Amino acid sequence: MNSTNTFKSLSGVVFAGTVSAIAVLTVLPASAVTFTGIGTGFNIPDDNATGASSTITIPTSSNFSITNITVTLNNLTHTWLGDLIANLTYVPTNTTVSLFNRIGRVTTGVGDSSNFNGNYSFNDAFTGNLWTVAASGGGNFNIPSGNYFPTGAGSGTLVPILTSLGGSQTAGDWRLTISDNELDDTGSLGSWTLELQGTPIPEPSSGLGLLALGLLGTAAAFKRHWN
């Protein structure tokens, strides 16, 4: 199952500039940029490594350079969370990062038997550890909603999202994929939120400004010639 949503909002964009003399364009420091997009949810197919996905599309008009990424899985429910793999992919560069990967499964086995039943946010700076929390409960234990750092396969250590995506541009498709990799347990995702922060990308030099600089240079040459 695949679905697509366009962006929800872009806020905090400030491009400030002024012209000094004839041909000097001075760009003042720009504020941070924030993008928030919401993608549709889906049912997670049982024992299907391909899984289900949802896509948020960011237009080129909302492009900027990324300094921070937060992904929130809203109303994620699934028994036996050790079955699941959740990835975020920036489609233009085919760059995929892990949110979590079969929690509790080190090299073999079926992973932790705890359940997802809430809202879960992922950011490199968050301190919550899904592996530690899951290990503290039993088969009927629901992982509390909250803020967690992203983890990969085989370990509860931090796998930073920004290592692969920091500095990337935002425009294009962002795809969330969740797959169930064992039999018998099912679940669904209500929706998901992509929050990006960053800095504006400088505009290319104006052709008019370059022309004006050329004219200034020509005038200076004439002045030297006649003096």
N, C-alpha and C. Protein backbone atom coordinates (compact mmCIF):
# COMPACT_ATOMS: atom_id res chain seq x y z
N MET A 1 0.85 -1.19 0.00
CA MET A 1 0.00 0.00 0.00
C MET A 1 0.88 1.24 0.00
N ASN A 2 0.66 2.15 -0.91
CA ASN A 2 1.43 3.37 -0.99
C ASN A 2 0.49 4.56 -1.05
N SER A 3 0.86 5.65 -0.40
CA SER A 3 0.03 6.84 -0.44
C SER A 3 0.92 8.06 -0.46
N THR A 4 0.38 9.19 -0.94
CA THR A 4 1.17 10.40 -1.09
C THR A 4 0.44 11.59 -0.51
N ASN A 5 1.17 12.42 0.24
CA ASN A 5 0.64 13.67 0.75
C ASN A 5 1.59 14.79 0.39
N THR A 6 1.05 15.95 0.01
CA THR A 6 1.89 17.11 -0.19
C THR A 6 2.11 17.82 1.13
N PHE A 7 3.00 18.83 1.11
CA PHE A 7 3.39 19.48 2.35
C PHE A 7 2.22 20.17 3.03
N LYS A 8 2.34 20.28 4.36
CA LYS A 8 1.30 20.95 5.14
C LYS A 8 1.64 22.41 5.37
N SER A 9 2.87 22.68 5.82
CA SER A 9 3.17 24.08 6.13
C SER A 9 4.65 24.34 6.04
N LEU A 10 4.98 25.59 5.79
CA LEU A 10 6.35 26.07 5.82
C LEU A 10 6.33 27.38 6.56
N SER A 11 7.14 27.46 7.62
CA SER A 11 7.07 28.66 8.42
C SER A 11 8.46 29.16 8.75
N GLY A 12 8.54 30.42 9.14
CA GLY A 12 9.79 30.98 9.59
C GLY A 12 10.76 31.30 8.48
N VAL A 13 10.31 31.51 7.26
CA VAL A 13 11.20 31.79 6.16
C VAL A 13 11.38 33.29 6.03
N VAL A 14 12.61 33.75 6.14
CA VAL A 14 12.87 35.18 6.00
C VAL A 14 14.06 35.36 5.07
N PHE A 15 13.84 36.00 3.93
CA PHE A 15 14.93 36.37 3.06
C PHE A 15 15.01 37.90 3.07
N ALA A 16 16.09 38.44 3.57
CA ALA A 16 16.20 39.89 3.69
C ALA A 16 17.38 40.37 2.88
N GLY A 17 17.22 41.47 2.17
CA GLY A 17 18.33 41.97 1.38
C GLY A 17 18.15 43.44 1.06
N THR A 18 19.23 44.08 0.68
CA THR A 18 19.17 45.48 0.30
C THR A 18 20.25 45.73 -0.74
N VAL A 19 20.15 46.84 -1.47
CA VAL A 19 21.14 47.19 -2.48
C VAL A 19 21.92 48.42 -2.01
N SER A 20 23.23 48.31 -1.98
CA SER A 20 24.08 49.41 -1.58
C SER A 20 24.78 49.96 -2.82
N ALA A 21 24.78 51.27 -2.99
CA ALA A 21 25.33 51.93 -4.18
C ALA A 21 24.59 51.42 -5.40
N ILE A 22 25.33 51.08 -6.48
CA ILE A 22 24.64 50.69 -7.71
C ILE A 22 24.52 49.18 -7.83
N ALA A 23 25.59 48.42 -7.53
CA ALA A 23 25.61 47.03 -7.95
C ALA A 23 25.97 46.05 -6.86
N VAL A 24 25.91 46.43 -5.61
CA VAL A 24 26.29 45.53 -4.52
C VAL A 24 25.03 45.03 -3.83
N LEU A 25 24.81 43.75 -3.88
CA LEU A 25 23.65 43.14 -3.23
C LEU A 25 24.09 42.59 -1.89
N THR A 26 23.55 43.09 -0.80
CA THR A 26 23.90 42.64 0.54
C THR A 26 22.76 41.80 1.10
N VAL A 27 23.02 40.54 1.36
CA VAL A 27 21.99 39.66 1.90
C VAL A 27 22.18 39.56 3.40
N LEU A 28 21.17 39.97 4.14
CA LEU A 28 21.24 39.91 5.60
C LEU A 28 21.09 38.47 6.07
N PRO A 29 21.56 38.14 7.28
CA PRO A 29 21.43 36.77 7.79
C PRO A 29 19.97 36.32 7.79
N ALA A 30 19.72 35.12 7.30
CA ALA A 30 18.35 34.60 7.21
C ALA A 30 18.01 33.79 8.45
N SER A 31 16.74 33.78 8.79
CA SER A 31 16.31 33.02 9.95
C SER A 31 16.24 31.54 9.62
N ALA A 32 16.10 30.73 10.64
CA ALA A 32 15.94 29.29 10.43
C ALA A 32 14.61 29.02 9.73
N VAL A 33 14.58 27.92 9.01
CA VAL A 33 13.40 27.52 8.27
C VAL A 33 12.85 26.23 8.88
N THR A 34 11.53 26.12 8.94
CA THR A 34 10.89 24.92 9.47
C THR A 34 9.83 24.42 8.50
N PHE A 35 9.83 23.14 8.25
CA PHE A 35 8.80 22.50 7.43
C PHE A 35 8.12 21.41 8.25
N THR A 36 6.80 21.33 8.18
CA THR A 36 6.05 20.26 8.81
C THR A 36 5.11 19.64 7.80
N GLY A 37 5.23 18.35 7.58
CA GLY A 37 4.34 17.64 6.67
C GLY A 37 3.71 16.45 7.36
N ILE A 38 2.48 16.12 6.98
CA ILE A 38 1.78 14.98 7.56
C ILE A 38 1.44 13.99 6.46
N GLY A 39 1.84 12.74 6.66
CA GLY A 39 1.55 11.68 5.70
C GLY A 39 0.44 10.77 6.21
N THR A 40 -0.26 10.14 5.28
CA THR A 40 -1.36 9.25 5.64
C THR A 40 -0.85 7.96 6.28
N GLY A 41 -1.71 7.34 7.05
CA GLY A 41 -1.38 6.07 7.67
C GLY A 41 -1.71 4.88 6.79
N PHE A 42 -1.53 3.68 7.33
CA PHE A 42 -1.77 2.46 6.56
C PHE A 42 -1.82 1.25 7.49
N ASN A 43 -2.40 0.17 7.00
CA ASN A 43 -2.30 -1.11 7.68
C ASN A 43 -0.95 -1.73 7.36
N ILE A 44 -0.34 -2.39 8.32
CA ILE A 44 0.97 -3.03 8.13
C ILE A 44 0.74 -4.50 7.78
N PRO A 45 1.05 -4.91 6.56
CA PRO A 45 0.78 -6.30 6.16
C PRO A 45 1.63 -7.29 6.95
N ASP A 46 1.02 -8.39 7.36
CA ASP A 46 1.70 -9.40 8.17
C ASP A 46 2.70 -10.19 7.35
N ASP A 47 3.89 -10.41 7.94
CA ASP A 47 4.92 -11.26 7.33
C ASP A 47 5.20 -10.84 5.89
N ASN A 48 5.49 -9.58 5.70
CA ASN A 48 5.72 -9.03 4.37
C ASN A 48 6.90 -8.06 4.45
N ALA A 49 8.04 -8.48 3.93
CA ALA A 49 9.26 -7.68 4.06
C ALA A 49 9.20 -6.38 3.28
N THR A 50 8.34 -6.32 2.27
CA THR A 50 8.18 -5.07 1.51
C THR A 50 7.47 -4.02 2.35
N GLY A 51 6.48 -4.46 3.12
CA GLY A 51 5.75 -3.57 4.00
C GLY A 51 4.83 -2.62 3.28
N ALA A 52 4.47 -1.54 3.97
CA ALA A 52 3.61 -0.49 3.42
C ALA A 52 4.33 0.84 3.57
N SER A 53 3.98 1.80 2.73
CA SER A 53 4.67 3.08 2.76
C SER A 53 3.72 4.24 2.54
N SER A 54 4.18 5.42 2.93
CA SER A 54 3.45 6.66 2.74
C SER A 54 4.47 7.74 2.40
N THR A 55 4.11 8.63 1.47
CA THR A 55 5.05 9.62 0.95
C THR A 55 4.57 11.04 1.19
N ILE A 56 5.48 11.88 1.64
CA ILE A 56 5.25 13.32 1.74
C ILE A 56 6.10 14.00 0.68
N THR A 57 5.47 14.85 -0.14
CA THR A 57 6.17 15.53 -1.22
C THR A 57 6.38 17.00 -0.86
N ILE A 58 7.63 17.43 -0.90
CA ILE A 58 7.97 18.83 -0.61
C ILE A 58 8.31 19.52 -1.92
N PRO A 59 7.61 20.61 -2.26
CA PRO A 59 7.86 21.30 -3.54
C PRO A 59 9.19 22.05 -3.52
N THR A 60 9.70 22.35 -4.71
CA THR A 60 10.97 23.07 -4.82
C THR A 60 10.87 24.46 -4.21
N SER A 61 9.68 25.02 -4.16
CA SER A 61 9.50 26.35 -3.56
C SER A 61 9.76 26.33 -2.05
N SER A 62 9.77 25.14 -1.46
CA SER A 62 10.01 25.00 -0.02
C SER A 62 11.37 24.37 0.26
N ASN A 63 12.30 24.55 -0.66
CA ASN A 63 13.60 23.90 -0.53
C ASN A 63 14.53 24.66 0.43
N PHE A 64 15.25 23.93 1.28
CA PHE A 64 16.29 24.50 2.13
C PHE A 64 17.25 23.40 2.55
N SER A 65 18.32 23.77 3.24
CA SER A 65 19.34 22.82 3.66
C SER A 65 19.06 22.34 5.09
N ILE A 66 19.06 21.02 5.30
CA ILE A 66 18.58 20.42 6.55
C ILE A 66 19.63 20.44 7.65
N THR A 67 19.20 20.86 8.85
CA THR A 67 20.05 20.78 10.04
C THR A 67 19.44 19.91 11.14
N ASN A 68 18.15 19.58 11.03
CA ASN A 68 17.51 18.78 12.07
C ASN A 68 16.29 18.07 11.49
N ILE A 69 16.07 16.82 11.91
CA ILE A 69 14.96 16.01 11.42
C ILE A 69 14.28 15.32 12.59
N THR A 70 12.95 15.41 12.64
CA THR A 70 12.15 14.65 13.60
C THR A 70 11.03 13.93 12.85
N VAL A 71 10.90 12.65 13.10
CA VAL A 71 9.83 11.85 12.51
C VAL A 71 8.96 11.34 13.64
N THR A 72 7.64 11.53 13.52
CA THR A 72 6.70 11.05 14.53
C THR A 72 5.73 10.07 13.91
N LEU A 73 5.60 8.90 14.52
CA LEU A 73 4.63 7.89 14.10
C LEU A 73 3.41 8.03 15.00
N ASN A 74 2.31 8.48 14.42
CA ASN A 74 1.10 8.77 15.19
C ASN A 74 0.17 7.57 15.21
N ASN A 75 -0.27 7.23 16.42
CA ASN A 75 -1.20 6.10 16.60
C ASN A 75 -0.66 4.83 15.94
N LEU A 76 0.59 4.50 16.27
CA LEU A 76 1.18 3.25 15.81
C LEU A 76 0.77 2.14 16.78
N THR A 77 0.09 1.13 16.25
CA THR A 77 -0.31 -0.02 17.07
C THR A 77 0.19 -1.29 16.39
N HIS A 78 0.83 -2.16 17.17
CA HIS A 78 1.28 -3.45 16.64
C HIS A 78 1.73 -4.33 17.80
N THR A 79 1.21 -5.56 17.84
CA THR A 79 1.69 -6.50 18.84
C THR A 79 3.03 -7.08 18.38
N TRP A 80 3.86 -7.41 19.35
CA TRP A 80 5.20 -7.99 19.10
C TRP A 80 6.02 -7.06 18.18
N LEU A 81 6.48 -5.97 18.79
CA LEU A 81 7.20 -4.95 18.02
C LEU A 81 8.50 -5.45 17.42
N GLY A 82 9.03 -6.57 17.92
CA GLY A 82 10.25 -7.13 17.36
C GLY A 82 10.10 -7.61 15.93
N ASP A 83 8.87 -7.62 15.41
CA ASP A 83 8.64 -7.98 14.01
C ASP A 83 8.97 -6.84 13.05
N LEU A 84 8.98 -5.60 13.56
CA LEU A 84 8.89 -4.43 12.68
C LEU A 84 10.23 -3.78 12.34
N ILE A 85 10.28 -3.26 11.12
CA ILE A 85 11.36 -2.39 10.65
C ILE A 85 10.73 -1.11 10.12
N ALA A 86 11.23 0.04 10.58
CA ALA A 86 10.72 1.33 10.10
C ALA A 86 11.88 2.16 9.54
N ASN A 87 11.75 2.58 8.28
CA ASN A 87 12.78 3.36 7.61
C ASN A 87 12.20 4.63 7.01
N LEU A 88 13.06 5.66 6.93
CA LEU A 88 12.74 6.90 6.22
C LEU A 88 13.68 7.01 5.04
N THR A 89 13.12 7.30 3.85
CA THR A 89 13.92 7.41 2.63
C THR A 89 13.72 8.77 1.99
N TYR A 90 14.84 9.44 1.68
CA TYR A 90 14.79 10.64 0.84
C TYR A 90 14.96 10.16 -0.59
N VAL A 91 13.86 10.15 -1.33
CA VAL A 91 13.79 9.47 -2.63
C VAL A 91 14.73 10.06 -3.68
N PRO A 92 14.90 11.40 -3.78
CA PRO A 92 15.77 11.94 -4.84
C PRO A 92 17.19 11.39 -4.82
N THR A 93 17.71 11.06 -3.64
CA THR A 93 19.07 10.50 -3.55
C THR A 93 19.06 9.04 -3.14
N ASN A 94 17.86 8.47 -2.95
CA ASN A 94 17.70 7.08 -2.50
C ASN A 94 18.48 6.83 -1.20
N THR A 95 18.43 7.81 -0.31
CA THR A 95 19.10 7.69 0.99
C THR A 95 18.09 7.21 2.03
N THR A 96 18.39 6.08 2.66
CA THR A 96 17.48 5.48 3.64
C THR A 96 18.13 5.46 5.02
N VAL A 97 17.38 5.89 6.03
CA VAL A 97 17.85 5.84 7.41
C VAL A 97 16.85 5.03 8.24
N SER A 98 17.35 4.46 9.33
CA SER A 98 16.53 3.60 10.18
C SER A 98 15.94 4.39 11.34
N LEU A 99 14.66 4.14 11.62
CA LEU A 99 14.06 4.61 12.87
C LEU A 99 14.18 3.54 13.93
N PHE A 100 13.86 2.29 13.54
CA PHE A 100 14.13 1.13 14.39
C PHE A 100 14.11 -0.11 13.50
N ASN A 101 14.75 -1.17 13.98
CA ASN A 101 14.89 -2.38 13.17
C ASN A 101 14.84 -3.60 14.09
N ARG A 102 13.67 -4.24 14.15
CA ARG A 102 13.46 -5.49 14.88
C ARG A 102 14.04 -5.42 16.29
N ILE A 103 13.43 -4.58 17.08
CA ILE A 103 13.89 -4.32 18.45
C ILE A 103 13.98 -5.62 19.25
N GLY A 104 15.12 -5.82 19.90
CA GLY A 104 15.34 -7.01 20.72
C GLY A 104 15.95 -8.19 19.98
N ARG A 105 16.02 -8.13 18.66
CA ARG A 105 16.61 -9.22 17.86
C ARG A 105 18.06 -8.86 17.56
N VAL A 106 19.00 -9.59 18.18
CA VAL A 106 20.41 -9.25 18.04
C VAL A 106 20.98 -9.84 16.75
N THR A 107 20.97 -11.14 16.62
CA THR A 107 21.43 -11.77 15.37
C THR A 107 20.38 -12.73 14.81
N THR A 108 19.70 -13.45 15.70
CA THR A 108 18.63 -14.37 15.29
C THR A 108 17.46 -14.21 16.26
N GLY A 109 16.39 -14.96 16.01
CA GLY A 109 15.24 -14.92 16.89
C GLY A 109 14.14 -14.02 16.36
N VAL A 110 13.14 -13.80 17.21
CA VAL A 110 11.95 -13.07 16.78
C VAL A 110 11.82 -11.70 17.43
N GLY A 111 12.81 -11.28 18.18
CA GLY A 111 12.78 -9.95 18.76
C GLY A 111 11.89 -9.84 19.99
N ASP A 112 11.76 -8.63 20.47
CA ASP A 112 11.01 -8.36 21.71
C ASP A 112 9.51 -8.49 21.48
N SER A 113 8.82 -8.99 22.52
CA SER A 113 7.37 -9.25 22.41
C SER A 113 6.50 -8.10 22.89
N SER A 114 7.09 -6.97 23.24
CA SER A 114 6.30 -5.80 23.66
C SER A 114 5.50 -5.26 22.49
N ASN A 115 4.61 -4.31 22.80
CA ASN A 115 3.69 -3.79 21.79
C ASN A 115 3.87 -2.29 21.59
N PHE A 116 3.66 -1.84 20.36
CA PHE A 116 3.48 -0.41 20.10
C PHE A 116 2.00 -0.08 20.30
N ASN A 117 1.76 1.05 20.97
CA ASN A 117 0.38 1.48 21.15
C ASN A 117 0.39 2.96 21.57
N GLY A 118 0.75 3.83 20.61
CA GLY A 118 0.84 5.24 20.96
C GLY A 118 1.48 6.06 19.86
N ASN A 119 2.07 7.19 20.28
CA ASN A 119 2.74 8.11 19.36
C ASN A 119 4.23 8.14 19.70
N TYR A 120 5.07 7.96 18.68
CA TYR A 120 6.50 7.79 18.91
C TYR A 120 7.28 8.72 17.99
N SER A 121 8.11 9.59 18.61
CA SER A 121 8.90 10.55 17.86
C SER A 121 10.38 10.15 17.89
N PHE A 122 11.07 10.41 16.76
CA PHE A 122 12.47 10.01 16.61
C PHE A 122 13.30 11.20 16.17
N ASN A 123 14.39 11.43 16.92
CA ASN A 123 15.32 12.51 16.63
C ASN A 123 16.66 12.12 17.24
N ASP A 124 17.74 12.51 16.58
CA ASP A 124 19.08 12.15 17.07
C ASP A 124 19.33 12.63 18.50
N ALA A 125 18.73 13.75 18.89
CA ALA A 125 19.00 14.35 20.20
C ALA A 125 18.13 13.79 21.32
N PHE A 126 17.11 13.00 20.99
CA PHE A 126 16.25 12.44 22.02
C PHE A 126 17.01 11.38 22.82
N THR A 127 16.60 11.17 24.08
CA THR A 127 17.33 10.27 24.97
C THR A 127 16.64 8.94 25.20
N GLY A 128 15.38 8.80 24.80
CA GLY A 128 14.67 7.54 25.02
C GLY A 128 15.24 6.42 24.17
N ASN A 129 15.39 5.23 24.76
CA ASN A 129 15.95 4.06 24.08
C ASN A 129 14.87 2.99 23.98
N LEU A 130 14.36 2.73 22.77
CA LEU A 130 13.30 1.73 22.60
C LEU A 130 13.74 0.35 23.07
N TRP A 131 14.97 0.00 22.84
CA TRP A 131 15.45 -1.34 23.22
C TRP A 131 15.41 -1.50 24.74
N THR A 132 15.87 -0.49 25.46
CA THR A 132 15.90 -0.57 26.92
C THR A 132 14.48 -0.59 27.49
N VAL A 133 13.62 0.25 26.95
CA VAL A 133 12.24 0.30 27.44
C VAL A 133 11.53 -1.02 27.15
N ALA A 134 11.69 -1.56 25.95
CA ALA A 134 11.03 -2.82 25.59
C ALA A 134 11.51 -3.97 26.49
N ALA A 135 12.80 -4.00 26.79
CA ALA A 135 13.35 -5.07 27.62
C ALA A 135 12.84 -5.02 29.05
N SER A 136 12.32 -3.87 29.47
CA SER A 136 11.85 -3.73 30.86
C SER A 136 10.45 -4.29 31.06
N GLY A 137 9.75 -4.63 29.96
CA GLY A 137 8.38 -5.11 30.07
C GLY A 137 8.25 -6.56 29.70
N GLY A 138 7.02 -7.02 29.59
CA GLY A 138 6.73 -8.40 29.21
C GLY A 138 5.93 -8.46 27.94
N GLY A 139 5.30 -9.62 27.72
CA GLY A 139 4.58 -9.85 26.48
C GLY A 139 3.40 -8.93 26.27
N ASN A 140 2.78 -8.44 27.33
CA ASN A 140 1.63 -7.55 27.21
C ASN A 140 1.99 -6.09 27.49
N PHE A 141 3.28 -5.80 27.48
CA PHE A 141 3.75 -4.46 27.82
C PHE A 141 3.63 -3.53 26.61
N ASN A 142 3.01 -2.36 26.82
CA ASN A 142 2.91 -1.35 25.77
C ASN A 142 4.01 -0.32 25.95
N ILE A 143 4.78 -0.09 24.88
CA ILE A 143 5.82 0.93 24.93
C ILE A 143 5.17 2.30 25.11
N PRO A 144 5.58 3.07 26.12
CA PRO A 144 4.95 4.38 26.33
C PRO A 144 5.20 5.32 25.15
N SER A 145 4.20 6.14 24.84
CA SER A 145 4.40 7.21 23.87
C SER A 145 5.54 8.11 24.36
N GLY A 146 6.28 8.66 23.41
CA GLY A 146 7.36 9.55 23.83
C GLY A 146 8.41 9.77 22.77
N ASN A 147 9.55 10.32 23.21
CA ASN A 147 10.65 10.70 22.33
C ASN A 147 11.79 9.69 22.43
N TYR A 148 12.23 9.17 21.29
CA TYR A 148 13.25 8.13 21.25
C TYR A 148 14.29 8.45 20.19
N PHE A 149 15.53 7.98 20.42
CA PHE A 149 16.54 8.14 19.37
C PHE A 149 16.47 6.96 18.40
N PRO A 150 16.86 7.17 17.14
CA PRO A 150 16.77 6.09 16.14
C PRO A 150 17.81 5.01 16.38
N THR A 151 17.43 3.77 16.13
CA THR A 151 18.32 2.63 16.31
C THR A 151 18.30 1.77 15.05
N GLY A 152 19.32 0.92 14.91
CA GLY A 152 19.41 0.05 13.75
C GLY A 152 19.26 -1.41 14.13
N ALA A 153 19.69 -2.29 13.24
CA ALA A 153 19.57 -3.73 13.47
C ALA A 153 20.60 -4.21 14.49
N GLY A 154 20.16 -5.09 15.37
CA GLY A 154 21.08 -5.81 16.24
C GLY A 154 21.56 -5.09 17.47
N SER A 155 21.12 -3.87 17.72
CA SER A 155 21.66 -3.12 18.85
C SER A 155 20.76 -1.95 19.20
N GLY A 156 20.80 -1.55 20.47
CA GLY A 156 20.03 -0.39 20.91
C GLY A 156 20.85 0.87 20.94
N THR A 157 21.92 0.94 20.13
CA THR A 157 22.73 2.14 20.09
C THR A 157 22.20 3.13 19.05
N LEU A 158 22.54 4.38 19.25
CA LEU A 158 22.09 5.45 18.35
C LEU A 158 22.63 5.25 16.94
N VAL A 159 21.75 5.35 15.94
CA VAL A 159 22.14 5.41 14.53
C VAL A 159 21.65 6.76 14.00
N PRO A 160 22.51 7.79 14.00
CA PRO A 160 22.05 9.15 13.72
C PRO A 160 21.45 9.32 12.32
N ILE A 161 20.32 9.98 12.26
CA ILE A 161 19.69 10.30 10.99
C ILE A 161 20.51 11.33 10.23
N LEU A 162 21.07 12.31 10.94
CA LEU A 162 21.76 13.42 10.29
C LEU A 162 23.09 13.02 9.69
N THR A 163 23.64 11.87 10.08
CA THR A 163 24.88 11.41 9.46
C THR A 163 24.69 11.25 7.96
N SER A 164 23.51 10.78 7.56
CA SER A 164 23.22 10.56 6.14
C SER A 164 22.46 11.71 5.50
N LEU A 165 21.64 12.42 6.28
CA LEU A 165 20.74 13.40 5.68
C LEU A 165 21.02 14.85 6.08
N GLY A 166 21.91 15.07 7.04
CA GLY A 166 22.25 16.44 7.40
C GLY A 166 22.90 17.16 6.23
N GLY A 167 22.43 18.37 5.94
CA GLY A 167 22.94 19.13 4.82
C GLY A 167 22.23 18.86 3.52
N SER A 168 21.40 17.81 3.48
CA SER A 168 20.63 17.53 2.28
C SER A 168 19.60 18.63 2.05
N GLN A 169 19.13 18.75 0.81
CA GLN A 169 18.05 19.66 0.53
C GLN A 169 16.71 18.95 0.77
N THR A 170 15.67 19.74 0.92
CA THR A 170 14.39 19.17 1.35
C THR A 170 13.46 18.78 0.21
N ALA A 171 13.58 19.45 -0.94
CA ALA A 171 12.61 19.27 -2.01
C ALA A 171 12.60 17.84 -2.54
N GLY A 172 11.40 17.33 -2.81
CA GLY A 172 11.26 15.98 -3.34
C GLY A 172 10.41 15.11 -2.44
N ASP A 173 10.43 13.82 -2.70
CA ASP A 173 9.62 12.86 -1.95
C ASP A 173 10.37 12.31 -0.74
N TRP A 174 9.66 12.24 0.37
CA TRP A 174 10.14 11.61 1.60
C TRP A 174 9.20 10.45 1.91
N ARG A 175 9.74 9.25 2.02
CA ARG A 175 8.91 8.06 2.14
C ARG A 175 9.18 7.32 3.46
N LEU A 176 8.12 7.08 4.20
CA LEU A 176 8.17 6.23 5.39
C LEU A 176 7.72 4.83 5.01
N THR A 177 8.50 3.82 5.40
CA THR A 177 8.14 2.42 5.14
C THR A 177 8.22 1.63 6.44
N ILE A 178 7.17 0.87 6.73
CA ILE A 178 7.17 -0.04 7.88
C ILE A 178 6.84 -1.43 7.39
N SER A 179 7.67 -2.39 7.78
CA SER A 179 7.44 -3.77 7.36
C SER A 179 7.37 -4.69 8.57
N ASP A 180 6.57 -5.75 8.43
CA ASP A 180 6.41 -6.81 9.44
C ASP A 180 7.12 -8.04 8.89
N ASN A 181 8.06 -8.59 9.67
CA ASN A 181 8.93 -9.63 9.14
C ASN A 181 8.77 -11.00 9.81
N GLU A 182 7.64 -11.22 10.49
CA GLU A 182 7.31 -12.52 11.07
C GLU A 182 5.80 -12.74 11.00
N LEU A 183 5.40 -13.99 11.16
CA LEU A 183 3.98 -14.34 11.12
C LEU A 183 3.22 -13.94 12.39
N ASP A 184 1.90 -13.82 12.24
CA ASP A 184 0.91 -13.86 13.33
C ASP A 184 0.56 -12.54 14.01
N ASP A 185 1.40 -11.51 13.94
CA ASP A 185 1.07 -10.26 14.63
C ASP A 185 0.82 -9.16 13.62
N THR A 186 -0.16 -8.32 13.92
CA THR A 186 -0.58 -7.28 12.98
C THR A 186 -0.69 -5.93 13.67
N GLY A 187 -0.86 -4.89 12.85
CA GLY A 187 -1.02 -3.55 13.40
C GLY A 187 -1.22 -2.53 12.30
N SER A 188 -1.19 -1.26 12.69
CA SER A 188 -1.44 -0.19 11.73
C SER A 188 -0.79 1.10 12.21
N LEU A 189 -0.71 2.07 11.28
CA LEU A 189 -0.21 3.41 11.57
C LEU A 189 -1.32 4.39 11.25
N GLY A 190 -1.62 5.30 12.20
CA GLY A 190 -2.67 6.29 11.97
C GLY A 190 -2.26 7.36 10.98
N SER A 191 -1.06 7.93 11.17
CA SER A 191 -0.47 8.93 10.28
C SER A 191 0.97 9.12 10.71
N TRP A 192 1.71 9.97 10.01
CA TRP A 192 3.07 10.27 10.44
C TRP A 192 3.40 11.71 10.12
N THR A 193 4.31 12.26 10.89
CA THR A 193 4.69 13.66 10.76
C THR A 193 6.18 13.78 10.49
N LEU A 194 6.53 14.59 9.49
CA LEU A 194 7.92 14.89 9.17
C LEU A 194 8.19 16.35 9.48
N GLU A 195 9.11 16.60 10.41
CA GLU A 195 9.48 17.96 10.77
C GLU A 195 10.94 18.18 10.40
N LEU A 196 11.18 19.15 9.53
CA LEU A 196 12.53 19.47 9.08
C LEU A 196 12.88 20.89 9.48
N GLN A 197 14.09 21.09 9.94
CA GLN A 197 14.61 22.43 10.24
C GLN A 197 15.89 22.62 9.45
N GLY A 198 16.18 23.88 9.12
CA GLY A 198 17.39 24.12 8.36
C GLY A 198 17.61 25.58 8.06
N THR A 199 18.41 25.82 7.04
CA THR A 199 18.77 27.18 6.64
C THR A 199 18.46 27.37 5.16
N PRO A 200 18.03 28.58 4.78
CA PRO A 200 17.73 28.84 3.37
C PRO A 200 18.95 28.64 2.49
N ILE A 201 18.71 28.24 1.25
CA ILE A 201 19.78 28.10 0.28
C ILE A 201 19.95 29.44 -0.42
N PRO A 202 21.19 30.01 -0.43
CA PRO A 202 21.38 31.34 -1.04
C PRO A 202 20.94 31.36 -2.50
N GLU A 203 20.31 32.46 -2.87
CA GLU A 203 19.91 32.63 -4.27
C GLU A 203 21.15 32.86 -5.12
N PRO A 204 21.14 32.38 -6.37
CA PRO A 204 22.28 32.66 -7.27
C PRO A 204 22.40 34.15 -7.54
N SER A 205 23.60 34.58 -7.91
CA SER A 205 23.84 36.00 -8.16
C SER A 205 22.92 36.51 -9.27
N SER A 206 22.43 37.69 -9.08
CA SER A 206 21.52 38.29 -10.06
C SER A 206 22.26 38.68 -11.33
N GLY A 207 21.68 38.37 -12.49
CA GLY A 207 22.27 38.77 -13.75
C GLY A 207 22.31 40.29 -13.87
N LEU A 208 21.29 40.96 -13.33
CA LEU A 208 21.28 42.42 -13.36
C LEU A 208 22.43 43.00 -12.55
N GLY A 209 22.69 42.35 -11.39
CA GLY A 209 23.79 42.82 -10.55
C GLY A 209 25.12 42.67 -11.25
N LEU A 210 25.31 41.54 -11.96
CA LEU A 210 26.55 41.32 -12.69
C LEU A 210 26.72 42.35 -13.80
N LEU A 211 25.60 42.68 -14.48
CA LEU A 211 25.65 43.68 -15.53
C LEU A 211 26.06 45.03 -14.97
N ALA A 212 25.47 45.36 -13.80
CA ALA A 212 25.80 46.64 -13.17
C ALA A 212 27.26 46.70 -12.78
N LEU A 213 27.79 45.59 -12.28
CA LEU A 213 29.21 45.55 -11.92
C LEU A 213 30.08 45.76 -13.16
N GLY A 214 29.65 45.16 -14.27
CA GLY A 214 30.39 45.35 -15.50
C GLY A 214 30.40 46.80 -15.94
N LEU A 215 29.24 47.46 -15.83
CA LEU A 215 29.16 48.87 -16.19
C LEU A 215 30.03 49.73 -15.30
N LEU A 216 30.08 49.41 -14.01
CA LEU A 216 30.94 50.15 -13.11
C LEU A 216 32.40 50.01 -13.51
N GLY A 217 32.78 48.77 -13.87
CA GLY A 217 34.16 48.55 -14.30
C GLY A 217 34.49 49.33 -15.55
N THR A 218 33.55 49.40 -16.51
CA THR A 218 33.78 50.15 -17.74
C THR A 218 33.91 51.63 -17.45
N ALA A 219 33.07 52.15 -16.56
CA ALA A 219 33.13 53.57 -16.20
C ALA A 219 34.46 53.89 -15.55
N ALA A 220 34.94 53.01 -14.70
CA ALA A 220 36.23 53.24 -14.05
C ALA A 220 37.35 53.28 -15.07
N ALA A 221 37.27 52.40 -16.07
CA ALA A 221 38.31 52.38 -17.08
C ALA A 221 38.33 53.68 -17.88
N PHE A 222 37.13 54.20 -18.25
CA PHE A 222 37.07 55.47 -18.96
C PHE A 222 37.64 56.60 -18.11
N LYS A 223 37.33 56.55 -16.81
CA LYS A 223 37.81 57.62 -15.92
C LYS A 223 39.33 57.63 -15.88
N ARG A 224 39.95 56.44 -15.78
CA ARG A 224 41.41 56.37 -15.77
C ARG A 224 41.98 56.85 -17.09
N HIS A 225 41.27 56.55 -18.18
CA HIS A 225 41.76 56.92 -19.50
C HIS A 225 41.79 58.44 -19.69
N TRP A 226 40.73 59.13 -19.17
CA TRP A 226 40.63 60.56 -19.41
C TRP A 226 41.36 61.39 -18.37
N ASN A 227 41.76 60.78 -17.25
CA ASN A 227 42.47 61.56 -16.22
C ASN A 227 43.96 61.66 -16.56
